[in-house]
PDB file of N, CA and C in Angstrom:
ATOM      1  N   UNK A   1      83.663 103.697  98.757  1.00  0.00           N
ATOM      2  CA  UNK A   1      83.855 102.738  99.938  1.00  0.00           C
ATOM      3  C   UNK A   1      85.139 101.919  99.685  1.00  0.00           C
ATOM      4  N   UNK A   2      85.882 101.832 100.769  1.00  0.00           N
ATOM      5  CA  UNK A   2      87.109 101.065 100.781  1.00  0.00           C
ATOM      6  C   UNK A   2      86.733  99.538 100.575  1.00  0.00           C
ATOM      7  N   UNK A   3      87.485  98.970  99.704  1.00  0.00           N
ATOM      8  CA  UNK A   3      87.290  97.476  99.420  1.00  0.00           C
ATOM      9  C   UNK A   3      88.528  96.724  99.976  1.00  0.00           C
ATOM     10  N   UNK A   4      88.217  95.703 100.799  1.00  0.00           N
ATOM     11  CA  UNK A   4      89.356  94.923 101.289  1.00  0.00           C
ATOM     12  C   UNK A   4      89.196  93.458 100.911  1.00  0.00           C
ATOM     13  N   UNK A   5      89.973  93.055  99.938  1.00  0.00           N
ATOM     14  CA  UNK A   5      89.951  91.642  99.477  1.00  0.00           C
ATOM     15  C   UNK A   5      90.855  90.933 100.532  1.00  0.00           C
ATOM     16  N   UNK A   6      90.244  89.847 101.102  1.00  0.00           N
ATOM     17  CA  UNK A   6      90.987  89.152 102.138  1.00  0.00           C
ATOM     18  C   UNK A   6      90.639  87.662 102.141  1.00  0.00           C
ATOM     19  N   UNK A   7      91.354  86.949 102.894  1.00  0.00           N
ATOM     20  CA  UNK A   7      91.216  85.483 103.126  1.00  0.00           C
ATOM     21  C   UNK A   7      91.045  85.271 104.588  1.00  0.00           C
ATOM     22  N   UNK A   8      89.918  84.706 105.033  1.00  0.00           N
ATOM     23  CA  UNK A   8      89.661  84.578 106.444  1.00  0.00           C
ATOM     24  C   UNK A   8      90.674  83.794 107.247  1.00  0.00           C
ATOM     25  N   UNK A   9      91.301  82.892 106.597  1.00  0.00           N
ATOM     26  CA  UNK A   9      92.292  82.023 107.305  1.00  0.00           C
ATOM     27  C   UNK A   9      93.733  82.613 107.287  1.00  0.00           C
ATOM     28  N   UNK A  10      93.839  83.787 106.775  1.00  0.00           N
ATOM     29  CA  UNK A  10      95.126  84.510 106.645  1.00  0.00           C
ATOM     30  C   UNK A  10      95.346  85.377 107.868  1.00  0.00           C
ATOM     31  N   UNK A  11      96.400  85.098 108.631  1.00  0.00           N
ATOM     32  CA  UNK A  11      96.679  85.819 109.898  1.00  0.00           C
ATOM     33  C   UNK A  11      96.967  87.329 109.596  1.00  0.00           C
ATOM     34  N   UNK A  12      97.671  87.532 108.463  1.00  0.00           N
ATOM     35  CA  UNK A  12      97.939  88.966 108.060  1.00  0.00           C
ATOM     36  C   UNK A  12      96.671  89.689 107.695  1.00  0.00           C
ATOM     37  N   UNK A  13      95.697  89.012 107.153  1.00  0.00           N
ATOM     38  CA  UNK A  13      94.425  89.730 106.805  1.00  0.00           C
ATOM     39  C   UNK A  13      93.710  90.022 108.097  1.00  0.00           C
ATOM     40  N   UNK A  14      93.762  89.115 109.056  1.00  0.00           N
ATOM     41  CA  UNK A  14      93.109  89.296 110.363  1.00  0.00           C
ATOM     42  C   UNK A  14      93.710  90.525 111.080  1.00  0.00           C
ATOM     43  N   UNK A  15      95.023  90.640 111.051  1.00  0.00           N
ATOM     44  CA  UNK A  15      95.664  91.758 111.681  1.00  0.00           C
ATOM     45  C   UNK A  15      95.264  93.097 110.969  1.00  0.00           C
ATOM     46  N   UNK A  16      95.163  93.040 109.630  1.00  0.00           N
ATOM     47  CA  UNK A  16      94.813  94.244 108.833  1.00  0.00           C
ATOM     48  C   UNK A  16      93.408  94.702 109.183  1.00  0.00           C
ATOM     49  N   UNK A  17      92.482  93.738 109.315  1.00  0.00           N
ATOM     50  CA  UNK A  17      91.116  94.047 109.577  1.00  0.00           C
ATOM     51  C   UNK A  17      90.910  94.580 110.990  1.00  0.00           C
ATOM     52  N   UNK A  18      91.714  94.038 111.927  1.00  0.00           N
ATOM     53  CA  UNK A  18      91.721  94.493 113.291  1.00  0.00           C
ATOM     54  C   UNK A  18      92.226  95.911 113.374  1.00  0.00           C
ATOM     55  N   UNK A  19      93.215  96.294 112.535  1.00  0.00           N
ATOM     56  CA  UNK A  19      93.791  97.598 112.469  1.00  0.00           C
ATOM     57  C   UNK A  19      92.762  98.579 111.895  1.00  0.00           C
ATOM     58  N   UNK A  20      92.053  98.195 110.883  1.00  0.00           N
ATOM     59  CA  UNK A  20      91.000  99.100 110.333  1.00  0.00           C
ATOM     60  C   UNK A  20      89.870  99.258 111.307  1.00  0.00           C
ATOM     61  N   UNK A  21      89.473  98.217 111.959  1.00  0.00           N
ATOM     62  CA  UNK A  21      88.453  98.356 112.940  1.00  0.00           C
ATOM     63  C   UNK A  21      88.793  99.264 114.118  1.00  0.00           C
ATOM     64  N   UNK A  22      90.120  99.119 114.492  1.00  0.00           N
ATOM     65  CA  UNK A  22      90.577  99.995 115.578  1.00  0.00           C
ATOM     66  C   UNK A  22      90.600 101.448 115.208  1.00  0.00           C
ATOM     67  N   UNK A  23      90.764 101.723 113.927  1.00  0.00           N
ATOM     68  CA  UNK A  23      90.762 103.138 113.433  1.00  0.00           C
ATOM     69  C   UNK A  23      89.367 103.545 112.988  1.00  0.00           C
ATOM     70  N   UNK A  24      88.380 102.678 113.215  1.00  0.00           N
ATOM     71  CA  UNK A  24      87.044 102.936 112.829  1.00  0.00           C
ATOM     72  C   UNK A  24      86.847 103.263 111.349  1.00  0.00           C
ATOM     73  N   UNK A  25      87.589 102.553 110.510  1.00  0.00           N
ATOM     74  CA  UNK A  25      87.512 102.747 109.018  1.00  0.00           C
ATOM     75  C   UNK A  25      86.408 101.821 108.551  1.00  0.00           C
ATOM     76  N   UNK A  26      85.462 102.447 107.714  1.00  0.00           N
ATOM     77  CA  UNK A  26      84.419 101.611 107.105  1.00  0.00           C
ATOM     78  C   UNK A  26      84.969 100.921 105.846  1.00  0.00           C
ATOM     79  N   UNK A  27      84.628  99.685 105.614  1.00  0.00           N
ATOM     80  CA  UNK A  27      85.202  98.922 104.449  1.00  0.00           C
ATOM     81  C   UNK A  27      84.123  97.840 104.060  1.00  0.00           C
ATOM     82  N   UNK A  28      84.294  97.406 102.806  1.00  0.00           N
ATOM     83  CA  UNK A  28      83.572  96.264 102.364  1.00  0.00           C
ATOM     84  C   UNK A  28      84.589  95.085 102.344  1.00  0.00           C
ATOM     85  N   UNK A  29      84.289  94.052 102.944  1.00  0.00           N
ATOM     86  CA  UNK A  29      85.212  92.843 103.048  1.00  0.00           C
ATOM     87  C   UNK A  29      84.799  91.868 101.975  1.00  0.00           C
ATOM     88  N   UNK A  30      85.703  91.569 101.107  1.00  0.00           N
ATOM     89  CA  UNK A  30      85.487  90.660  99.961  1.00  0.00           C
ATOM     90  C   UNK A  30      86.411  89.386 100.101  1.00  0.00           C
ATOM     91  N   UNK A  31      85.858  88.207  99.911  1.00  0.00           N
ATOM     92  CA  UNK A  31      86.672  87.014  99.951  1.00  0.00           C
ATOM     93  C   UNK A  31      87.498  86.844  98.680  1.00  0.00           C
ATOM     94  N   UNK A  32      88.785  86.999  98.744  1.00  0.00           N
ATOM     95  CA  UNK A  32      89.620  87.100  97.589  1.00  0.00           C
ATOM     96  C   UNK A  32      89.674  85.797  96.787  1.00  0.00           C
ATOM     97  N   UNK A  33      89.481  84.693  97.417  1.00  0.00           N
ATOM     98  CA  UNK A  33      89.484  83.343  96.673  1.00  0.00           C
ATOM     99  C   UNK A  33      88.225  83.265  95.854  1.00  0.00           C
ATOM    100  N   UNK A  34      87.169  83.709  96.327  1.00  0.00           N
ATOM    101  CA  UNK A  34      85.914  83.624  95.552  1.00  0.00           C
ATOM    102  C   UNK A  34      85.686  84.730  94.563  1.00  0.00           C
ATOM    103  N   UNK A  35      86.286  85.877  94.918  1.00  0.00           N
ATOM    104  CA  UNK A  35      86.048  87.116  94.057  1.00  0.00           C
ATOM    105  C   UNK A  35      87.379  87.836  93.969  1.00  0.00           C
ATOM    106  N   UNK A  36      88.226  87.540  93.029  1.00  0.00           N
ATOM    107  CA  UNK A  36      89.472  88.211  92.824  1.00  0.00           C
ATOM    108  C   UNK A  36      89.273  89.638  92.425  1.00  0.00           C
ATOM    109  N   UNK A  37      90.265  90.564  92.688  1.00  0.00           N
ATOM    110  CA  UNK A  37      90.137  91.933  92.151  1.00  0.00           C
ATOM    111  C   UNK A  37      89.973  91.913  90.663  1.00  0.00           C
ATOM    112  N   UNK A  38      89.302  92.959  90.091  1.00  0.00           N
ATOM    113  CA  UNK A  38      89.066  93.025  88.743  1.00  0.00           C
ATOM    114  C   UNK A  38      90.428  93.528  87.977  1.00  0.00           C
ATOM    115  N   UNK A  39      90.469  93.303  86.736  1.00  0.00           N
ATOM    116  CA  UNK A  39      91.578  93.813  85.931  1.00  0.00           C
ATOM    117  C   UNK A  39      91.728  95.271  86.147  1.00  0.00           C
ATOM    118  N   UNK A  40      90.684  96.039  86.156  1.00  0.00           N
ATOM    119  CA  UNK A  40      90.759  97.443  86.327  1.00  0.00           C
ATOM    120  C   UNK A  40      91.463  97.798  87.740  1.00  0.00           C
ATOM    121  N   UNK A  41      90.936  97.145  88.750  1.00  0.00           N
ATOM    122  CA  UNK A  41      91.468  97.327  90.133  1.00  0.00           C
ATOM    123  C   UNK A  41      93.009  96.925  90.174  1.00  0.00           C
ATOM    124  N   UNK A  42      93.375  95.800  89.477  1.00  0.00           N
ATOM    125  CA  UNK A  42      94.704  95.392  89.531  1.00  0.00           C
ATOM    126  C   UNK A  42      95.596  96.412  88.752  1.00  0.00           C
ATOM    127  N   UNK A  43      95.126  96.907  87.667  1.00  0.00           N
ATOM    128  CA  UNK A  43      95.912  97.941  86.899  1.00  0.00           C
ATOM    129  C   UNK A  43      96.134  99.184  87.744  1.00  0.00           C
ATOM    130  N   UNK A  44      95.022  99.588  88.450  1.00  0.00           N
ATOM    131  CA  UNK A  44      95.011 100.823  89.245  1.00  0.00           C
ATOM    132  C   UNK A  44      96.095 100.571  90.367  1.00  0.00           C
ATOM    133  N   UNK A  45      96.059  99.383  90.956  1.00  0.00           N
ATOM    134  CA  UNK A  45      96.973  99.029  92.148  1.00  0.00           C
ATOM    135  C   UNK A  45      98.433  99.089  91.562  1.00  0.00           C
ATOM    136  N   UNK A  46      98.603  98.483  90.456  1.00  0.00           N
ATOM    137  CA  UNK A  46      99.990  98.416  89.823  1.00  0.00           C
ATOM    138  C   UNK A  46     100.520  99.864  89.577  1.00  0.00           C
ATOM    139  N   UNK A  47      99.644 100.689  89.079  1.00  0.00           N
ATOM    140  CA  UNK A  47     100.105 102.087  88.847  1.00  0.00           C
ATOM    141  C   UNK A  47     100.545 102.716  90.157  1.00  0.00           C
ATOM    142  N   UNK A  48      99.746 102.538  91.176  1.00  0.00           N
ATOM    143  CA  UNK A  48     100.094 103.119  92.502  1.00  0.00           C
ATOM    144  C   UNK A  48     101.415 102.504  93.057  1.00  0.00           C
ATOM    145  N   UNK A  49     101.545 101.187  92.794  1.00  0.00           N
ATOM    146  CA  UNK A  49     102.835 100.577  93.266  1.00  0.00           C
ATOM    147  C   UNK A  49     103.998 101.030  92.585  1.00  0.00           C
ATOM    148  N   UNK A  50     103.897 101.270  91.215  1.00  0.00           N
ATOM    149  CA  UNK A  50     104.893 101.780  90.512  1.00  0.00           C
ATOM    150  C   UNK A  50     105.375 103.186  90.883  1.00  0.00           C
ATOM    151  N   UNK A  51     104.452 103.954  91.282  1.00  0.00           N
ATOM    152  CA  UNK A  51     104.748 105.319  91.814  1.00  0.00           C
ATOM    153  C   UNK A  51     105.577 105.347  93.087  1.00  0.00           C
ATOM    154  N   UNK A  52     105.453 104.199  93.822  1.00  0.00           N
ATOM    155  CA  UNK A  52     106.240 104.016  95.014  1.00  0.00           C
ATOM    156  C   UNK A  52     107.446 103.156  94.820  1.00  0.00           C
ATOM    157  N   UNK A  53     107.831 102.921  93.562  1.00  0.00           N
ATOM    158  CA  UNK A  53     108.984 102.087  93.317  1.00  0.00           C
ATOM    159  C   UNK A  53     108.737 100.590  93.228  1.00  0.00           C
ATOM    160  N   UNK A  54     107.398 100.197  93.213  1.00  0.00           N
ATOM    161  CA  UNK A  54     107.054  98.771  93.204  1.00  0.00           C
ATOM    162  C   UNK A  54     106.996  98.326  91.703  1.00  0.00           C
ATOM    163  N   UNK A  55     106.590  97.046  91.607  1.00  0.00           N
ATOM    164  CA  UNK A  55     106.429  96.430  90.314  1.00  0.00           C
ATOM    165  C   UNK A  55     105.409  95.326  90.287  1.00  0.00           C
ATOM    166  N   UNK A  56     105.264  94.740  89.150  1.00  0.00           N
ATOM    167  CA  UNK A  56     104.196  93.767  88.912  1.00  0.00           C
ATOM    168  C   UNK A  56     104.248  92.576  89.934  1.00  0.00           C
ATOM    169  N   UNK A  57     105.503  92.165  90.232  1.00  0.00           N
ATOM    170  CA  UNK A  57     105.688  91.028  91.204  1.00  0.00           C
ATOM    171  C   UNK A  57     105.059  91.317  92.511  1.00  0.00           C
ATOM    172  N   UNK A  58     105.001  92.565  92.898  1.00  0.00           N
ATOM    173  CA  UNK A  58     104.473  93.021  94.212  1.00  0.00           C
ATOM    174  C   UNK A  58     102.903  92.634  94.334  1.00  0.00           C
ATOM    175  N   UNK A  59     102.196  92.448  93.266  1.00  0.00           N
ATOM    176  CA  UNK A  59     100.850  92.044  93.273  1.00  0.00           C
ATOM    177  C   UNK A  59     100.671  90.580  93.568  1.00  0.00           C
ATOM    178  N   UNK A  60     101.720  89.773  93.378  1.00  0.00           N
ATOM    179  CA  UNK A  60     101.579  88.335  93.571  1.00  0.00           C
ATOM    180  C   UNK A  60     101.868  87.796  94.990  1.00  0.00           C
ATOM    181  N   UNK A  61     101.093  86.840  95.433  1.00  0.00           N
ATOM    182  CA  UNK A  61     101.338  86.138  96.661  1.00  0.00           C
ATOM    183  C   UNK A  61     102.448  85.099  96.435  1.00  0.00           C
ATOM    184  N   UNK A  62     103.701  85.633  96.462  1.00  0.00           N
ATOM    185  CA  UNK A  62     104.790  84.787  96.096  1.00  0.00           C
ATOM    186  C   UNK A  62     105.189  83.700  97.076  1.00  0.00           C
ATOM    187  N   UNK A  63     104.545  83.732  98.276  1.00  0.00           N
ATOM    188  CA  UNK A  63     104.767  82.609  99.181  1.00  0.00           C
ATOM    189  C   UNK A  63     103.667  81.607  99.121  1.00  0.00           C
ATOM    190  N   UNK A  64     102.733  81.832  98.235  1.00  0.00           N
ATOM    191  CA  UNK A  64     101.554  80.860  98.147  1.00  0.00           C
ATOM    192  C   UNK A  64     101.877  79.618  97.359  1.00  0.00           C
ATOM    193  N   UNK A  65     101.140  78.548  97.707  1.00  0.00           N
ATOM    194  CA  UNK A  65     101.324  77.234  97.063  1.00  0.00           C
ATOM    195  C   UNK A  65     101.111  77.295  95.561  1.00  0.00           C
ATOM    196  N   UNK A  66     100.010  78.038  95.185  1.00  0.00           N
ATOM    197  CA  UNK A  66      99.699  77.972  93.760  1.00  0.00           C
ATOM    198  C   UNK A  66     100.826  78.744  92.904  1.00  0.00           C
ATOM    199  N   UNK A  67     101.373  79.830  93.500  1.00  0.00           N
ATOM    200  CA  UNK A  67     102.417  80.588  92.827  1.00  0.00           C
ATOM    201  C   UNK A  67     103.636  79.575  92.577  1.00  0.00           C
ATOM    202  N   UNK A  68     103.923  78.839  93.605  1.00  0.00           N
ATOM    203  CA  UNK A  68     105.009  77.856  93.542  1.00  0.00           C
ATOM    204  C   UNK A  68     104.686  76.808  92.628  1.00  0.00           C
ATOM    205  N   UNK A  69     103.515  76.167  92.644  1.00  0.00           N
ATOM    206  CA  UNK A  69     103.104  75.027  91.829  1.00  0.00           C
ATOM    207  C   UNK A  69     103.102  75.467  90.333  1.00  0.00           C
ATOM    208  N   UNK A  70     102.723  76.737  90.056  1.00  0.00           N
ATOM    209  CA  UNK A  70     102.686  77.219  88.685  1.00  0.00           C
ATOM    210  C   UNK A  70     104.070  77.693  88.178  1.00  0.00           C
ATOM    211  N   UNK A  71     105.043  77.621  89.020  1.00  0.00           N
ATOM    212  CA  UNK A  71     106.449  78.126  88.740  1.00  0.00           C
ATOM    213  C   UNK A  71     106.423  79.493  88.204  1.00  0.00           C
ATOM    214  N   UNK A  72     105.648  80.339  88.838  1.00  0.00           N
ATOM    215  CA  UNK A  72     105.565  81.671  88.378  1.00  0.00           C
ATOM    216  C   UNK A  72     106.775  82.561  88.589  1.00  0.00           C
ATOM    217  N   UNK A  73     107.630  82.198  89.506  1.00  0.00           N
ATOM    218  CA  UNK A  73     108.863  82.868  89.669  1.00  0.00           C
ATOM    219  C   UNK A  73     109.713  82.790  88.396  1.00  0.00           C
ATOM    220  N   UNK A  74     109.623  81.676  87.690  1.00  0.00           N
ATOM    221  CA  UNK A  74     110.301  81.448  86.405  1.00  0.00           C
ATOM    222  C   UNK A  74     109.566  82.179  85.290  1.00  0.00           C
ATOM    223  N   UNK A  75     108.255  82.060  85.324  1.00  0.00           N
ATOM    224  CA  UNK A  75     107.430  82.566  84.218  1.00  0.00           C
ATOM    225  C   UNK A  75     107.199  84.109  84.216  1.00  0.00           C
ATOM    226  N   UNK A  76     107.045  84.645  85.367  1.00  0.00           N
ATOM    227  CA  UNK A  76     106.706  86.048  85.506  1.00  0.00           C
ATOM    228  C   UNK A  76     107.595  87.048  84.710  1.00  0.00           C
ATOM    229  N   UNK A  77     108.949  86.829  84.773  1.00  0.00           N
ATOM    230  CA  UNK A  77     109.771  87.756  84.019  1.00  0.00           C
ATOM    231  C   UNK A  77     109.481  87.875  82.506  1.00  0.00           C
ATOM    232  N   UNK A  78     108.967  86.839  81.924  1.00  0.00           N
ATOM    233  CA  UNK A  78     108.714  86.758  80.476  1.00  0.00           C
ATOM    234  C   UNK A  78     107.148  87.091  80.126  1.00  0.00           C
ATOM    235  N   UNK A  79     106.405  87.190  81.151  1.00  0.00           N
ATOM    236  CA  UNK A  79     104.947  87.451  80.933  1.00  0.00           C
ATOM    237  C   UNK A  79     104.757  88.968  80.661  1.00  0.00           C
ATOM    238  N   UNK A  80     103.721  89.246  79.788  1.00  0.00           N
ATOM    239  CA  UNK A  80     103.448  90.653  79.651  1.00  0.00           C
ATOM    240  C   UNK A  80     102.629  91.132  80.862  1.00  0.00           C
ATOM    241  N   UNK A  81     102.539  92.357  81.003  1.00  0.00           N
ATOM    242  CA  UNK A  81     101.739  92.959  82.058  1.00  0.00           C
ATOM    243  C   UNK A  81     100.280  92.521  81.912  1.00  0.00           C
ATOM    244  N   UNK A  82      99.789  92.574  80.734  1.00  0.00           N
ATOM    245  CA  UNK A  82      98.336  92.180  80.432  1.00  0.00           C
ATOM    246  C   UNK A  82      98.131  90.725  80.857  1.00  0.00           C
ATOM    247  N   UNK A  83      99.126  89.853  80.449  1.00  0.00           N
ATOM    248  CA  UNK A  83      98.936  88.448  80.785  1.00  0.00           C
ATOM    249  C   UNK A  83      98.895  88.219  82.306  1.00  0.00           C
ATOM    250  N   UNK A  84      99.776  88.906  83.008  1.00  0.00           N
ATOM    251  CA  UNK A  84      99.923  88.750  84.478  1.00  0.00           C
ATOM    252  C   UNK A  84      98.569  89.249  85.095  1.00  0.00           C
ATOM    253  N   UNK A  85      98.088  90.466  84.670  1.00  0.00           N
ATOM    254  CA  UNK A  85      96.893  91.052  85.243  1.00  0.00           C
ATOM    255  C   UNK A  85      95.752  90.115  84.959  1.00  0.00           C
ATOM    256  N   UNK A  86      95.623  89.485  83.793  1.00  0.00           N
ATOM    257  CA  UNK A  86      94.495  88.599  83.532  1.00  0.00           C
ATOM    258  C   UNK A  86      94.582  87.397  84.425  1.00  0.00           C
ATOM    259  N   UNK A  87      95.799  86.804  84.652  1.00  0.00           N
ATOM    260  CA  UNK A  87      95.972  85.640  85.460  1.00  0.00           C
ATOM    261  C   UNK A  87      95.567  85.957  86.896  1.00  0.00           C
ATOM    262  N   UNK A  88      95.948  87.107  87.432  1.00  0.00           N
ATOM    263  CA  UNK A  88      95.667  87.455  88.734  1.00  0.00           C
ATOM    264  C   UNK A  88      94.046  87.725  88.933  1.00  0.00           C
ATOM    265  N   UNK A  89      93.400  88.256  87.903  1.00  0.00           N
ATOM    266  CA  UNK A  89      92.034  88.555  87.993  1.00  0.00           C
ATOM    267  C   UNK A  89      91.195  87.256  87.879  1.00  0.00           C
ATOM    268  N   UNK A  90      91.758  86.172  87.425  1.00  0.00           N
ATOM    269  CA  UNK A  90      91.091  84.939  87.341  1.00  0.00           C
ATOM    270  C   UNK A  90      91.378  84.017  88.551  1.00  0.00           C
ATOM    271  N   UNK A  91      92.327  84.362  89.336  1.00  0.00           N
ATOM    272  CA  UNK A  91      92.692  83.475  90.472  1.00  0.00           C
ATOM    273  C   UNK A  91      93.087  84.285  91.727  1.00  0.00           C
ATOM    274  N   UNK A  92      92.224  84.489  92.603  1.00  0.00           N
ATOM    275  CA  UNK A  92      92.503  85.247  93.793  1.00  0.00           C
ATOM    276  C   UNK A  92      93.560  84.692  94.664  1.00  0.00           C
ATOM    277  N   UNK A  93      93.821  83.395  94.588  1.00  0.00           N
ATOM    278  CA  UNK A  93      94.884  82.741  95.437  1.00  0.00           C
ATOM    279  C   UNK A  93      96.248  83.359  95.028  1.00  0.00           C
ATOM    280  N   UNK A  94      96.364  83.864  93.861  1.00  0.00           N
ATOM    281  CA  UNK A  94      97.651  84.360  93.375  1.00  0.00           C
ATOM    282  C   UNK A  94      97.921  85.793  93.824  1.00  0.00           C
ATOM    283  N   UNK A  95      96.851  86.488  94.312  1.00  0.00           N
ATOM    284  CA  UNK A  95      96.996  87.847  94.647  1.00  0.00           C
ATOM    285  C   UNK A  95      97.500  88.056  96.099  1.00  0.00           C
ATOM    286  N   UNK A  96      98.472  89.018  96.215  1.00  0.00           N
ATOM    287  CA  UNK A  96      98.948  89.240  97.598  1.00  0.00           C
ATOM    288  C   UNK A  96      97.808  89.924  98.373  1.00  0.00           C
ATOM    289  N   UNK A  97      97.754  89.454  99.613  1.00  0.00           N
ATOM    290  CA  UNK A  97      96.620  89.932 100.397  1.00  0.00           C
ATOM    291  C   UNK A  97      97.093  90.428 101.798  1.00  0.00           C
ATOM    292  N   UNK A  98      96.338  91.287 102.387  1.00  0.00           N
ATOM    293  CA  UNK A  98      95.147  91.803 101.897  1.00  0.00           C
ATOM    294  C   UNK A  98      95.350  92.822 100.762  1.00  0.00           C
ATOM    295  N   UNK A  99      94.439  92.943  99.908  1.00  0.00           N
ATOM    296  CA  UNK A  99      94.447  93.835  98.834  1.00  0.00           C
ATOM    297  C   UNK A  99      93.405  94.881  99.031  1.00  0.00           C
ATOM    298  N   UNK A 100      93.814  96.164  99.324  1.00  0.00           N
ATOM    299  CA  UNK A 100      92.964  97.221  99.711  1.00  0.00           C
ATOM    300  C   UNK A 100      92.992  98.329  98.784  1.00  0.00           C
ATOM    301  N   UNK A 101      91.759  98.653  98.245  1.00  0.00           N
ATOM    302  CA  UNK A 101      91.692  99.698  97.229  1.00  0.00           C
ATOM    303  C   UNK A 101      90.474 100.586  97.553  1.00  0.00           C
ATOM    304  N   UNK A 102      90.647 101.856  97.358  1.00  0.00           N
ATOM    305  CA  UNK A 102      89.659 102.823  97.578  1.00  0.00           C
ATOM    306  C   UNK A 102      90.074 104.182  97.013  1.00  0.00           C
ATOM    307  N   UNK A 103      89.319 105.213  97.231  1.00  0.00           N
ATOM    308  CA  UNK A 103      89.706 106.437  96.726  1.00  0.00           C
ATOM    309  C   UNK A 103      91.021 106.977  97.383  1.00  0.00           C
ATOM    310  N   UNK A 104      92.013 107.047  96.575  1.00  0.00           N
ATOM    311  CA  UNK A 104      93.367 107.421  97.059  1.00  0.00           C
ATOM    312  C   UNK A 104      93.964 106.487  98.100  1.00  0.00           C
ATOM    313  N   UNK A 105      93.561 105.181  98.092  1.00  0.00           N
ATOM    314  CA  UNK A 105      94.114 104.248  98.993  1.00  0.00           C
ATOM    315  C   UNK A 105      94.414 103.010  98.186  1.00  0.00           C
ATOM    316  N   UNK A 106      95.726 102.601  98.202  1.00  0.00           N
ATOM    317  CA  UNK A 106      96.142 101.428  97.402  1.00  0.00           C
ATOM    318  C   UNK A 106      97.247 100.677  98.313  1.00  0.00           C
ATOM    319  N   UNK A 107      96.773  99.675  98.890  1.00  0.00           N
ATOM    320  CA  UNK A 107      97.677  98.843  99.751  1.00  0.00           C
ATOM    321  C   UNK A 107      97.618  97.380  99.437  1.00  0.00           C
ATOM    322  N   UNK A 108      98.859  96.748  99.474  1.00  0.00           N
ATOM    323  CA  UNK A 108      98.893  95.333  99.219  1.00  0.00           C
ATOM    324  C   UNK A 108      99.754  94.821 100.302  1.00  0.00           C
ATOM    325  N   UNK A 109      99.235  93.702 100.995  1.00  0.00           N
ATOM    326  CA  UNK A 109      99.892  93.195 102.163  1.00  0.00           C
ATOM    327  C   UNK A 109      99.670  94.156 103.409  1.00  0.00           C
ATOM    328  N   UNK A 110     100.194  93.823 104.527  1.00  0.00           N
ATOM    329  CA  UNK A 110      99.986  94.565 105.714  1.00  0.00           C
ATOM    330  C   UNK A 110     101.324  94.905 106.365  1.00  0.00           C
ATOM    331  N   UNK A 111     101.729  96.126 106.211  1.00  0.00           N
ATOM    332  CA  UNK A 111     102.858  96.709 106.934  1.00  0.00           C
ATOM    333  C   UNK A 111     102.292  97.820 107.714  1.00  0.00           C
ATOM    334  N   UNK A 112     102.239  97.623 109.062  1.00  0.00           N
ATOM    335  CA  UNK A 112     101.533  98.615 109.902  1.00  0.00           C
ATOM    336  C   UNK A 112     102.025 100.101 109.695  1.00  0.00           C
ATOM    337  N   UNK A 113     103.313 100.251 109.552  1.00  0.00           N
ATOM    338  CA  UNK A 113     103.751 101.633 109.325  1.00  0.00           C
ATOM    339  C   UNK A 113     103.230 102.312 108.108  1.00  0.00           C
ATOM    340  N   UNK A 114     103.072 101.610 107.006  1.00  0.00           N
ATOM    341  CA  UNK A 114     102.563 102.057 105.810  1.00  0.00           C
ATOM    342  C   UNK A 114     101.019 102.292 105.929  1.00  0.00           C
ATOM    343  N   UNK A 115     100.339 101.414 106.689  1.00  0.00           N
ATOM    344  CA  UNK A 115      98.945 101.664 106.923  1.00  0.00           C
ATOM    345  C   UNK A 115      98.663 102.799 107.808  1.00  0.00           C
ATOM    346  N   UNK A 116      99.536 103.057 108.729  1.00  0.00           N
ATOM    347  CA  UNK A 116      99.369 104.271 109.643  1.00  0.00           C
ATOM    348  C   UNK A 116      99.435 105.542 108.841  1.00  0.00           C
ATOM    349  N   UNK A 117     100.228 105.527 107.768  1.00  0.00           N
ATOM    350  CA  UNK A 117     100.327 106.760 106.866  1.00  0.00           C
ATOM    351  C   UNK A 117      99.105 106.999 106.176  1.00  0.00           C
ATOM    352  N   UNK A 118      98.376 105.893 105.745  1.00  0.00           N
ATOM    353  CA  UNK A 118      97.061 106.010 104.974  1.00  0.00           C
ATOM    354  C   UNK A 118      95.895 106.285 105.906  1.00  0.00           C
ATOM    355  N   UNK A 119      95.820 105.864 107.113  1.00  0.00           N
ATOM    356  CA  UNK A 119      94.725 106.046 107.973  1.00  0.00           C
ATOM    357  C   UNK A 119      95.043 106.777 109.289  1.00  0.00           C
TER     358      UNK A 119
END
């Protein structure tokens, strides 16, 4: 089953869910603030992102208040991958959303063109 980690007050998440509903895609909706993706899911997503030229920073909600308050733009370059994954798994507010993971599906954020390729 497709898992969609989302935040109800996030307009991007609302658009993404509306897109999935329009395509009649079945999914489990999980509140990302209350239940962050697991370290295993984050590692799997990172591997998929790297295959497409992405990197660790792509997992972070870089426009979020917490990211800025923690000064992660300065700290992230010197963090190990394991440290960053642990931090993300402990705080869903730091994870870029929506975070969508399922069998052969790995999406972070909502870019409609990318989503059309997956669904």
